[in-house]
Amino acid sequence: MAYVGIDGEDMYYEMEGDGDAIVLIHGNEAHHRTWEHQFEGS
């Protein structure tokens, strides 16, 4: 698992594929698996 420190907090991130970068941000009650379907087939 990869984390980056931002304002004293650790933020989890994943890198997948190549090309232009995008940032996907979920709501407060969700988690990183919210975006899992975005990466299918990559």
N, C-alpha and C. Protein backbone atom coordinates (compact mmCIF):
# COMPACT_ATOMS: atom_id res chain seq x y z
N MET A 1 0.84 -1.17 0.00
CA MET A 1 0.00 0.00 0.00
C MET A 1 0.88 1.24 0.00
N ALA A 2 0.46 2.22 -0.75
CA ALA A 2 1.25 3.44 -0.86
C ALA A 2 0.50 4.60 -0.20
N TYR A 3 1.25 5.42 0.53
CA TYR A 3 0.68 6.58 1.20
C TYR A 3 1.55 7.79 0.94
N VAL A 4 0.93 8.95 0.93
CA VAL A 4 1.66 10.21 0.85
C VAL A 4 1.17 11.09 2.00
N GLY A 5 2.09 11.80 2.64
CA GLY A 5 1.72 12.68 3.74
C GLY A 5 1.25 14.03 3.22
N ILE A 6 0.05 14.46 3.65
CA ILE A 6 -0.51 15.75 3.26
C ILE A 6 -1.06 16.42 4.51
N ASP A 7 -0.53 17.59 4.84
CA ASP A 7 -0.98 18.34 6.02
C ASP A 7 -1.03 17.48 7.29
N GLY A 8 -0.03 16.65 7.49
CA GLY A 8 0.05 15.84 8.69
C GLY A 8 -0.79 14.58 8.67
N GLU A 9 -1.47 14.30 7.57
CA GLU A 9 -2.30 13.10 7.43
C GLU A 9 -1.72 12.21 6.34
N ASP A 10 -1.97 10.90 6.43
CA ASP A 10 -1.54 9.97 5.40
C ASP A 10 -2.70 9.70 4.44
N MET A 11 -2.45 9.89 3.14
CA MET A 11 -3.47 9.64 2.13
C MET A 11 -3.02 8.44 1.28
N TYR A 12 -3.90 7.45 1.20
CA TYR A 12 -3.64 6.24 0.41
C TYR A 12 -3.79 6.57 -1.07
N TYR A 13 -2.93 5.99 -1.91
CA TYR A 13 -3.07 6.17 -3.35
C TYR A 13 -2.64 4.92 -4.09
N GLU A 14 -3.10 4.80 -5.31
CA GLU A 14 -2.70 3.72 -6.21
C GLU A 14 -2.32 4.31 -7.55
N MET A 15 -1.37 3.68 -8.21
CA MET A 15 -1.00 4.06 -9.57
C MET A 15 -1.28 2.86 -10.46
N GLU A 16 -1.92 3.13 -11.60
CA GLU A 16 -2.32 2.05 -12.49
C GLU A 16 -2.18 2.52 -13.93
N GLY A 17 -1.62 1.68 -14.80
CA GLY A 17 -1.56 1.99 -16.22
C GLY A 17 -0.58 3.10 -16.54
N ASP A 18 -0.81 3.72 -17.70
CA ASP A 18 0.04 4.82 -18.14
C ASP A 18 -0.84 5.86 -18.84
N GLY A 19 -0.25 6.96 -19.21
CA GLY A 19 -1.03 8.04 -19.82
C GLY A 19 -1.24 9.18 -18.84
N ASP A 20 -2.19 10.05 -19.17
CA ASP A 20 -2.47 11.20 -18.32
C ASP A 20 -2.96 10.76 -16.94
N ALA A 21 -2.55 11.49 -15.93
CA ALA A 21 -2.97 11.19 -14.56
C ALA A 21 -4.37 11.73 -14.30
N ILE A 22 -5.13 11.00 -13.49
CA ILE A 22 -6.43 11.47 -13.01
C ILE A 22 -6.50 11.23 -11.51
N VAL A 23 -7.31 11.98 -10.84
CA VAL A 23 -7.50 11.81 -9.39
C VAL A 23 -8.97 11.50 -9.16
N LEU A 24 -9.25 10.40 -8.49
CA LEU A 24 -10.62 10.01 -8.15
C LEU A 24 -10.78 10.16 -6.65
N ILE A 25 -11.76 10.95 -6.24
CA ILE A 25 -11.99 11.21 -4.82
C ILE A 25 -13.39 10.75 -4.46
N HIS A 26 -13.49 9.89 -3.46
CA HIS A 26 -14.78 9.36 -3.03
C HIS A 26 -15.32 10.15 -1.85
N GLY A 27 -16.55 9.91 -1.52
CA GLY A 27 -17.20 10.58 -0.38
C GLY A 27 -16.68 10.08 0.95
N ASN A 28 -17.10 10.70 2.01
CA ASN A 28 -16.62 10.43 3.37
C ASN A 28 -16.84 8.99 3.83
N GLU A 29 -17.96 8.40 3.50
CA GLU A 29 -18.28 7.05 3.99
C GLU A 29 -17.81 5.94 3.04
N ALA A 30 -17.13 6.27 1.98
CA ALA A 30 -16.68 5.28 0.99
C ALA A 30 -15.20 4.96 1.22
N HIS A 31 -14.64 4.13 0.34
CA HIS A 31 -13.22 3.78 0.42
C HIS A 31 -12.68 3.57 -0.99
N HIS A 32 -11.39 3.25 -1.10
CA HIS A 32 -10.74 3.17 -2.40
C HIS A 32 -11.37 2.16 -3.35
N ARG A 33 -12.05 1.15 -2.85
CA ARG A 33 -12.67 0.16 -3.73
C ARG A 33 -13.87 0.72 -4.49
N THR A 34 -14.33 1.91 -4.11
CA THR A 34 -15.40 2.58 -4.84
C THR A 34 -15.06 2.70 -6.31
N TRP A 35 -13.78 2.88 -6.60
CA TRP A 35 -13.33 3.13 -7.98
C TRP A 35 -12.82 1.87 -8.66
N GLU A 36 -12.95 0.71 -8.05
CA GLU A 36 -12.39 -0.53 -8.59
C GLU A 36 -12.85 -0.79 -10.03
N HIS A 37 -14.14 -0.56 -10.32
CA HIS A 37 -14.66 -0.83 -11.67
C HIS A 37 -14.02 0.08 -12.73
N GLN A 38 -13.44 1.20 -12.32
CA GLN A 38 -12.77 2.10 -13.26
C GLN A 38 -11.49 1.48 -13.82
N PHE A 39 -10.94 0.49 -13.13
CA PHE A 39 -9.66 -0.09 -13.51
C PHE A 39 -9.79 -1.47 -14.16
N GLU A 40 -11.00 -1.99 -14.29
CA GLU A 40 -11.18 -3.30 -14.89
C GLU A 40 -10.65 -3.29 -16.33
N GLY A 41 -9.90 -4.31 -16.66
CA GLY A 41 -9.38 -4.45 -18.02
C GLY A 41 -8.12 -3.66 -18.28
N SER A 42 -7.58 -3.00 -17.25
CA SER A 42 -6.36 -2.21 -17.48
C SER A 42 -5.14 -3.10 -17.32
